[in-house]
Protein backbone atom coordinates (compact mmCIF):
# COMPACT_ATOMS: atom_id res chain seq x y z
CA UNK A 1 0.00 0.00 0.00
CA UNK A 2 2.80 2.39 0.92
CA UNK A 3 4.66 1.58 -2.32
CA UNK A 4 1.54 2.26 -4.38
CA UNK A 5 1.06 5.59 -2.60
CA UNK A 6 4.69 6.59 -3.24
CA UNK A 7 4.42 5.61 -6.91
CA UNK A 8 1.24 7.67 -7.27
CA UNK A 9 2.74 10.71 -5.58
CA UNK A 10 5.84 10.38 -7.73
CA UNK A 11 3.83 10.31 -10.95
CA UNK A 12 1.86 13.36 -9.85
CA UNK A 13 5.11 15.15 -9.03
CA UNK A 14 6.57 14.38 -12.46
CA UNK A 15 3.32 15.45 -14.13
CA UNK A 16 3.30 18.74 -12.23
CA UNK A 17 6.95 19.57 -12.87
CA UNK A 18 6.78 18.50 -16.50
CA UNK A 19 3.62 20.52 -17.11
CA UNK A 20 5.16 23.59 -15.49
CA UNK A 21 8.29 23.37 -17.63
CA UNK A 22 6.27 22.94 -20.83
CA UNK A 23 4.06 25.92 -19.88
CA UNK A 24 7.12 28.09 -19.21
CA UNK A 25 8.74 27.06 -22.49
CA UNK A 26 5.62 27.66 -24.61
CA UNK A 27 4.22 30.80 -23.01
CA UNK A 28 7.29 32.45 -21.49
CA UNK A 29 10.54 31.36 -23.11
CA UNK A 30 9.48 31.13 -26.76
CA UNK A 31 7.79 34.58 -26.96
CA UNK A 32 10.75 36.16 -25.18
CA UNK A 33 13.45 34.81 -27.50
CA UNK A 34 11.41 34.39 -30.67
CA UNK A 35 12.68 37.67 -32.07
CA UNK A 36 16.27 37.01 -31.04
CA UNK A 37 17.05 33.30 -31.58
CA UNK A 38 15.97 30.96 -34.40
CA UNK A 39 13.28 28.51 -33.35
CA UNK A 40 15.64 25.56 -33.98
CA UNK A 41 17.93 26.62 -31.15
CA UNK A 42 14.95 27.13 -28.84
CA UNK A 43 13.79 23.56 -29.47
CA UNK A 44 17.34 22.23 -29.13
CA UNK A 45 17.83 24.05 -25.84
CA UNK A 46 14.54 22.75 -24.50
CA UNK A 47 15.32 19.18 -25.57
CA UNK A 48 18.76 19.23 -23.92
CA UNK A 49 17.35 20.72 -20.72
CA UNK A 50 14.61 18.07 -20.45
CA UNK A 51 16.45 14.95 -21.72
CA UNK A 52 19.84 15.58 -20.12
CA UNK A 53 18.87 17.62 -17.07
CA UNK A 54 15.33 17.49 -15.75
CA UNK A 55 14.36 13.85 -16.43
CA UNK A 56 17.62 12.25 -15.14
CA UNK A 57 17.45 14.41 -12.00
CA UNK A 58 13.86 13.39 -11.36
CA UNK A 59 14.72 9.72 -11.82
CA UNK A 60 17.55 10.00 -9.32
CA UNK A 61 15.13 11.58 -6.86
CA UNK A 62 12.69 8.75 -7.56
CA UNK A 63 15.28 6.14 -6.62
CA UNK A 64 15.98 7.98 -3.38
CA UNK A 65 12.28 7.88 -2.46
CA UNK A 66 11.53 4.37 -3.75
CA UNK A 67 14.63 2.26 -3.09
CA UNK A 68 14.89 -0.54 -5.64
CA UNK A 69 16.90 -3.68 -5.06
CA UNK A 70 17.43 -6.39 -7.64
CA UNK A 71 19.29 -9.62 -8.18
CA UNK A 72 22.30 -8.32 -10.13
CA UNK A 73 21.56 -10.02 -13.45
CA UNK A 74 21.82 -6.69 -15.20
CA UNK A 75 23.79 -3.50 -14.81
CA UNK A 76 22.10 -0.12 -14.46
CA UNK A 77 22.36 3.40 -15.79
CA UNK A 78 23.41 6.23 -13.50
CA UNK A 79 19.67 6.84 -12.98
CA UNK A 80 19.29 3.30 -11.59
CA UNK A 81 17.38 1.72 -14.48
CA UNK A 82 18.10 -1.66 -16.06
CA UNK A 83 20.57 -1.74 -18.92
CA UNK A 84 22.80 -4.59 -20.20
CA UNK A 85 22.57 -8.19 -18.92
CA UNK A 86 25.44 -9.54 -16.82
CA UNK A 87 26.46 -12.84 -18.37
CA UNK A 88 30.25 -13.29 -18.28
CA UNK A 89 33.06 -13.79 -15.76
CA UNK A 90 36.78 -13.98 -16.49
CA UNK A 91 39.33 -15.49 -14.11
CA UNK A 92 42.65 -13.69 -14.64
CA UNK A 93 45.91 -13.05 -12.84
CA UNK A 94 45.37 -9.30 -12.61
CA UNK A 95 44.16 -6.27 -14.56
CA UNK A 96 47.22 -6.18 -16.83
CA UNK A 97 46.66 -9.84 -17.69
CA UNK A 98 43.08 -9.05 -18.75
CA UNK A 99 44.22 -6.07 -20.82
CA UNK A 100 46.89 -8.11 -22.58
CA UNK A 101 44.64 -11.04 -23.48
CA UNK A 102 41.75 -8.86 -24.68
CA UNK A 103 44.13 -6.90 -26.90
CA UNK A 104 45.55 -10.12 -28.36
CA UNK A 105 41.98 -11.28 -29.05
CA UNK A 106 41.40 -8.21 -31.24
CA UNK A 107 39.57 -5.99 -28.76
CA UNK A 108 40.23 -2.25 -28.47
CA UNK A 109 40.21 -0.75 -24.97
CA UNK A 110 37.65 2.07 -24.82
CA UNK A 111 38.94 5.56 -24.09
CA UNK A 112 37.71 7.34 -20.93
CA UNK A 113 34.42 9.19 -21.31
CA UNK A 114 35.61 12.79 -21.40
CA UNK A 115 34.13 15.77 -23.23
CA UNK A 116 36.89 15.64 -25.85
CA UNK A 117 36.44 11.91 -26.46
CA UNK A 118 32.64 12.24 -26.53
CA UNK A 119 32.88 14.93 -29.23
CA UNK A 120 35.25 12.73 -31.19
CA UNK A 121 32.81 9.80 -30.88
CA UNK A 122 29.90 11.92 -32.14
CA UNK A 123 32.05 13.01 -35.08
CA UNK A 124 32.89 9.36 -35.81
CA UNK A 125 29.20 8.41 -35.77
CA UNK A 126 28.04 11.32 -37.93
CA UNK A 127 30.79 11.09 -40.56
CA UNK A 128 31.69 7.40 -40.26
CA UNK A 129 35.34 8.08 -39.44
CA UNK A 130 37.69 5.65 -37.73
CA UNK A 131 37.63 5.61 -33.93
CA UNK A 132 37.92 2.01 -32.69
CA UNK A 133 38.72 3.17 -29.14
CA UNK A 134 35.56 5.28 -28.81
CA UNK A 135 34.30 5.66 -25.22
CA UNK A 136 31.21 3.89 -23.92
CA UNK A 137 28.65 5.29 -21.50
CA UNK A 138 29.05 4.61 -17.79
CA UNK A 139 26.99 1.70 -16.50
CA UNK A 140 26.92 0.53 -12.88
CA UNK A 141 27.37 -2.72 -10.97
CA UNK A 142 28.28 -2.98 -7.28
CA UNK A 143 27.31 0.71 -7.06
CA UNK A 144 30.28 1.72 -9.17
CA UNK A 145 30.91 2.35 -12.88
CA UNK A 146 32.74 -0.19 -15.01
CA UNK A 147 36.50 -0.23 -14.66
CA UNK A 148 37.36 -1.53 -18.13
CA UNK A 149 35.55 -1.61 -21.46
CA UNK A 150 36.51 -3.16 -24.79
CA UNK A 151 35.04 -3.12 -28.26
CA UNK A 152 35.39 -4.40 -31.81
CA UNK A 153 33.86 -2.20 -34.54
CA UNK A 154 31.62 -4.11 -36.96
CA UNK A 155 32.05 -1.77 -39.93
CA UNK A 156 34.87 -1.41 -42.46
CA UNK A 157 35.66 2.17 -41.39
CA UNK A 158 36.17 1.13 -37.72
CA UNK A 159 33.84 3.93 -36.69
CA UNK A 160 31.76 4.15 -33.51
CA UNK A 161 28.51 3.55 -35.42
CA UNK A 162 28.30 -0.21 -34.80
CA UNK A 163 30.37 -2.44 -32.53
CA UNK A 164 30.66 -5.41 -30.22
CA UNK A 165 31.43 -4.25 -26.72
CA UNK A 166 31.86 -5.53 -23.19
CA UNK A 167 32.27 -3.77 -19.84
CA UNK A 168 34.04 -5.29 -16.82
CA UNK A 169 33.87 -4.83 -13.04
CA UNK A 170 36.35 -6.48 -10.67
CA UNK A 171 34.66 -8.62 -8.03
CA UNK A 172 35.76 -7.31 -4.64
CA UNK A 173 34.26 -7.29 -1.17
CA UNK A 174 32.29 -4.07 -0.52
CA UNK A 175 33.18 -1.70 2.28
CA UNK A 176 30.90 -1.71 5.31
CA UNK A 177 28.91 1.40 4.44
CA UNK A 178 28.09 0.30 0.89
CA UNK A 179 24.68 -1.14 -0.05
CA UNK A 180 25.85 -3.75 -2.52
CA UNK A 181 26.54 -6.65 -0.15
CA UNK A 182 23.74 -8.66 -1.75
CA UNK A 183 25.35 -8.20 -5.16
CA UNK A 184 28.73 -9.39 -3.89
CA UNK A 185 27.12 -12.33 -2.07
CA UNK A 186 25.19 -13.28 -5.22
CA UNK A 187 28.30 -13.47 -7.38
CA UNK A 188 30.38 -15.02 -4.63
CA UNK A 189 27.89 -17.88 -4.42
CA UNK A 190 27.97 -18.38 -8.18
CA UNK A 191 31.77 -18.23 -8.34
CA UNK A 192 32.76 -19.81 -5.02
CA UNK A 193 34.84 -22.45 -6.84
CA UNK A 194 37.30 -19.80 -8.03
CA UNK A 195 37.34 -17.42 -5.06
CA UNK A 196 40.12 -19.26 -3.24
CA UNK A 197 42.51 -18.87 -6.16
CA UNK A 198 45.19 -16.20 -6.07
CA UNK A 199 43.54 -14.60 -9.06
CA UNK A 200 41.01 -11.88 -9.82
CA UNK A 201 37.45 -12.32 -11.03
CA UNK A 202 36.07 -9.75 -13.47
CA UNK A 203 32.32 -9.65 -14.12
CA UNK A 204 31.28 -8.63 -17.64
CA UNK A 205 28.20 -7.34 -19.45
CA UNK A 206 28.26 -7.92 -23.22
CA UNK A 207 26.04 -6.38 -25.90
CA UNK A 208 26.26 -5.56 -29.58
CA UNK A 209 25.36 -2.12 -30.91
CA UNK A 210 24.08 -2.81 -34.41
CA UNK A 211 22.70 0.61 -35.37
CA UNK A 212 24.18 4.06 -34.81
CA UNK A 213 21.16 5.96 -33.49
CA UNK A 214 18.32 5.14 -31.12
CA UNK A 215 16.65 6.86 -28.18
CA UNK A 216 16.41 6.04 -24.51
CA UNK A 217 12.73 5.49 -23.91
CA UNK A 218 12.71 6.98 -20.40
CA UNK A 219 14.66 10.17 -21.07
CA UNK A 220 14.66 10.71 -24.84
CA UNK A 221 18.46 10.86 -24.96
CA UNK A 222 20.36 9.75 -28.04
CA UNK A 223 22.04 6.35 -27.75
CA UNK A 224 23.07 3.36 -29.86
CA UNK A 225 20.60 0.64 -30.81
CA UNK A 226 21.45 -2.60 -29.00
CA UNK A 227 20.81 -6.18 -30.07
CA UNK A 228 18.56 -8.20 -27.76
CA UNK A 229 20.70 -11.35 -28.25
CA UNK A 230 22.98 -10.85 -25.27
CA UNK A 231 23.77 -14.57 -24.91
CA UNK A 232 25.00 -14.65 -28.50
CA UNK A 233 27.27 -11.67 -27.76
CA UNK A 234 28.61 -13.38 -24.63
CA UNK A 235 29.52 -16.45 -26.71
CA UNK A 236 31.23 -14.18 -29.26
CA UNK A 237 33.49 -12.74 -26.55
CA UNK A 238 34.37 -16.25 -25.34
CA UNK A 239 35.12 -17.36 -28.90
CA UNK A 240 37.52 -14.47 -29.57
CA UNK A 241 39.41 -15.38 -26.40
CA UNK A 242 39.42 -19.08 -27.28
CA UNK A 243 40.89 -18.29 -30.69
CA UNK A 244 43.95 -16.80 -28.97
CA UNK A 245 44.56 -20.14 -27.21
CA UNK A 246 44.72 -18.28 -23.92
CA UNK A 247 41.62 -19.89 -22.38
CA UNK A 248 42.35 -22.65 -19.89
CA UNK A 249 38.73 -23.70 -19.37
CA UNK A 250 35.15 -22.51 -19.85
CA UNK A 251 32.33 -23.30 -17.44
CA UNK A 252 28.63 -22.47 -17.54
CA UNK A 253 26.58 -21.81 -14.43
CA UNK A 254 23.19 -23.48 -14.19
CA UNK A 255 20.62 -21.39 -16.08
CA UNK A 256 17.78 -19.99 -14.08
CA UNK A 257 14.43 -18.83 -15.35
CA UNK A 258 14.51 -17.11 -18.71
CA UNK A 259 15.36 -13.47 -18.14
CA UNK A 260 13.35 -10.88 -20.06
CA UNK A 261 13.55 -7.15 -19.42
CA UNK A 262 13.49 -3.90 -21.31
CA UNK A 263 16.82 -2.18 -21.92
CA UNK A 264 17.50 1.51 -22.40
CA UNK A 265 16.36 1.76 -26.00
CA UNK A 266 12.83 1.92 -27.37
CA UNK A 267 13.07 -1.35 -29.30
CA UNK A 268 15.47 -3.41 -27.18
CA UNK A 269 14.01 -6.18 -25.02
CA UNK A 270 16.78 -8.42 -23.72
CA UNK A 271 16.21 -12.17 -23.61
CA UNK A 272 18.68 -14.37 -21.76
CA UNK A 273 18.80 -17.85 -20.25
CA UNK A 274 20.31 -16.11 -17.17
CA UNK A 275 23.31 -18.44 -17.15
CA UNK A 276 26.86 -17.21 -16.70
CA UNK A 277 29.88 -18.23 -18.79
CA UNK A 278 33.07 -18.40 -16.70
CA UNK A 279 36.37 -18.46 -18.61
CA UNK A 280 39.65 -19.06 -16.83
CA UNK A 281 42.53 -17.57 -18.80
CA UNK A 282 46.01 -19.02 -19.02
């Protein structure tokens, strides 16, 4: 009952704030600047303010009021919404070992997401220019963004338009004041066989971006279009590593119930058997 009440109040709050902003834009902002700025820039300014400012801020407030908790079978956006499925684990000596093997398997390490790199990525998408190390957006597991990301462009120009990509988070015990103990416990139970080794475990989320432009259905932001076949993408990552002859063994966790959930994009509904492929690297 309390959850329903909070959801209702939240929707009313969004409706009120959204209606106020639209009213201000239509009846106050547009008449004021109509004689000074072309209408295109007015619309662009309004879109950026709503999609990249107001809506994400409201969603963050929503997750403060209504605290969601989930079995960590998918990573989330910074706003706390479901994104890519988690379906891969690599057992490696250390971070440098992972970097070396992924590079040998043909993967490019993604550049950090800075303003300069983001502009370069947009240029690569618009004009189909080479940028195989293009940055990827920050996604979250264990309440922290990914630590490593890799990609393989799927077009002849090696542009950021289409690509295979995978993000990785190192499995490590959370500090006492963090709220991700259940996530750590979940993966520890799945990977208990390898925890005693003097090696590191890196959890991965793999997806393929097969079209340059799509929209996030909650915010209206621009994004890539992602394939719903996340298990196929996971197997592709494993295959590239196997081809380097650096894989000692591959194990598959028992599949659970079929996992279906909506991703960030309008037309992406992920379908997974919810199993986890674990590859131990030489």
